[in-house]
Each structure stands twice: as C-alpha cells, then as structure tokens.
Amino acid sequence: MHLRPLALALGIDRPVHGIQSRGLDPLLTPQERVEEMADANLAAIRNVQPVGPYSIVGHSFGALVAFEMARRLELEGEEVDALALVEPVVHHAA
C-alpha cells in the first residue's frame, strides 16, 4: 500500500493495520455511504482488536470514513487516543 512508508515512519512499537476500500476490488460491490464503510471497517478492526484505545488514520476520502469511525467508537464509550486525517478530500457531484 502506498501509505506503508508513513506507517514505518511513525516509529511506534505497536502494529499498524491498513484497510482497503471495497471499491478498489473489482470483485466486491463498493459501499455507497460513509456509514456503511465505517461499519465494515470497524468490524474488521474489532476482529483484530476488540476494545480500545484506538488510533485511526484516514487518507483522502478515507479521512471522512475515519472521522465517522472515531465518532461511532466514542459514542459507544470506546477510547480513541488519536485521529489523523491525511489530505482529506471531498468530491462533489456536478
């Protein structure tokens, strides 16, 4: 993944996991709503780490998804110790 150098540069002593958008896999139907993406990503994260604290990074459109994930986790009483939004981008339909 193109963000691997960033993960390595963090210099932290804990695992870093990446989640690829379903829309990038031609065999999977892409989700159409940020909420659906957040649900799927949180399910994947909880398979690896069932409880927080969580650190979440989102790149480009994924920044919106990361924000929604952090918002939901905090509503559920989970700790989000870091939320980083890297080059957040929103594309508007013409």
Protein backbone atom coordinates (compact mmCIF):
# COMPACT_ATOMS: atom_id res chain seq x y z
CA MET A 1 0.00 0.00 0.00
CA HIS A 2 1.22 3.48 -0.74
CA LEU A 3 0.99 4.55 2.93
CA ARG A 4 3.38 1.87 4.18
CA PRO A 5 6.29 4.38 4.39
CA LEU A 6 4.14 6.56 6.65
CA ALA A 7 3.36 3.62 8.92
CA LEU A 8 7.07 2.77 9.15
CA ALA A 9 8.00 6.40 9.85
CA LEU A 10 5.71 6.54 12.89
CA GLY A 11 8.40 4.77 14.90
CA ILE A 12 5.89 3.17 17.25
CA ASP A 13 6.13 -0.19 18.94
CA ARG A 14 2.69 -1.50 18.03
CA PRO A 15 1.05 -2.98 14.96
CA VAL A 16 -0.33 -0.82 12.16
CA HIS A 17 -3.12 -2.27 10.02
CA GLY A 18 -4.47 -0.95 6.73
CA ILE A 19 -7.98 -1.40 5.38
CA GLN A 20 -8.55 -1.13 1.66
CA SER A 21 -11.78 0.33 0.35
CA ARG A 22 -14.09 -2.30 -1.17
CA GLY A 23 -14.42 -0.04 -4.21
CA LEU A 24 -10.81 -0.83 -5.15
CA ASP A 25 -11.53 -4.54 -5.52
CA PRO A 26 -13.38 -5.28 -8.79
CA LEU A 27 -14.79 -8.49 -7.29
CA LEU A 28 -16.63 -6.67 -4.49
CA THR A 29 -19.58 -4.32 -4.70
CA PRO A 30 -18.47 -0.94 -3.35
CA GLN A 31 -20.31 0.59 -0.44
CA GLU A 32 -22.09 3.82 -1.31
CA ARG A 33 -22.34 5.52 2.07
CA VAL A 34 -19.72 6.64 4.56
CA GLU A 35 -21.75 4.97 7.30
CA GLU A 36 -21.57 1.58 5.51
CA MET A 37 -17.82 2.00 5.08
CA ALA A 38 -17.39 2.87 8.75
CA ASP A 39 -19.43 -0.19 9.79
CA ALA A 40 -17.33 -2.53 7.63
CA ASN A 41 -14.04 -1.00 8.78
CA LEU A 42 -15.00 -1.16 12.46
CA ALA A 43 -15.97 -4.81 12.07
CA ALA A 44 -12.56 -5.53 10.53
CA ILE A 45 -10.74 -3.64 13.26
CA ARG A 46 -12.66 -5.36 16.03
CA ASN A 47 -11.64 -8.75 14.60
CA VAL A 48 -8.05 -7.79 15.42
CA GLN A 49 -8.60 -5.53 18.44
CA PRO A 50 -12.00 -5.90 20.14
CA VAL A 51 -11.56 -2.95 22.55
CA GLY A 52 -9.71 0.37 22.55
CA PRO A 53 -7.91 2.55 22.84
CA TYR A 54 -7.85 3.03 19.08
CA SER A 55 -5.68 5.18 16.83
CA ILE A 56 -7.23 5.84 13.43
CA VAL A 57 -5.79 7.44 10.31
CA GLY A 58 -7.75 8.20 7.16
CA HIS A 59 -6.30 9.32 3.83
CA SER A 60 -8.16 11.32 1.17
CA PHE A 61 -11.83 10.23 1.11
CA GLY A 62 -10.90 7.71 3.81
CA ALA A 63 -10.47 10.67 6.18
CA LEU A 64 -14.26 11.06 6.19
CA VAL A 65 -14.64 7.38 6.96
CA ALA A 66 -12.02 7.58 9.73
CA PHE A 67 -13.85 10.53 11.29
CA GLU A 68 -17.13 8.59 11.26
CA MET A 69 -15.40 5.56 12.76
CA ALA A 70 -13.94 7.63 15.60
CA ARG A 71 -17.30 9.33 16.20
CA ARG A 72 -19.07 5.98 16.47
CA LEU A 73 -16.43 4.48 18.75
CA GLU A 74 -16.67 7.39 21.16
CA LEU A 75 -20.48 7.19 21.16
CA GLU A 76 -20.09 3.54 22.19
CA GLY A 77 -17.81 4.55 25.08
CA GLU A 78 -14.58 3.39 23.44
CA GLU A 79 -11.39 5.44 23.72
CA VAL A 80 -9.94 6.95 20.55
CA ASP A 81 -6.50 8.18 21.53
CA ALA A 82 -5.62 9.56 18.09
CA LEU A 83 -7.45 10.53 14.92
CA ALA A 84 -5.35 11.73 11.96
CA LEU A 85 -6.87 12.99 8.73
CA VAL A 86 -4.30 12.97 5.89
CA GLU A 87 -5.16 15.07 2.85
CA PRO A 88 -8.93 14.90 3.42
CA VAL A 89 -10.78 15.26 0.12
CA VAL A 90 -14.47 15.51 -0.65
CA HIS A 91 -15.57 15.26 -4.28
CA HIS A 92 -18.84 16.98 -5.11
CA ALA A 93 -21.06 15.78 -7.93
CA ALA A 94 -21.53 18.37 -10.67
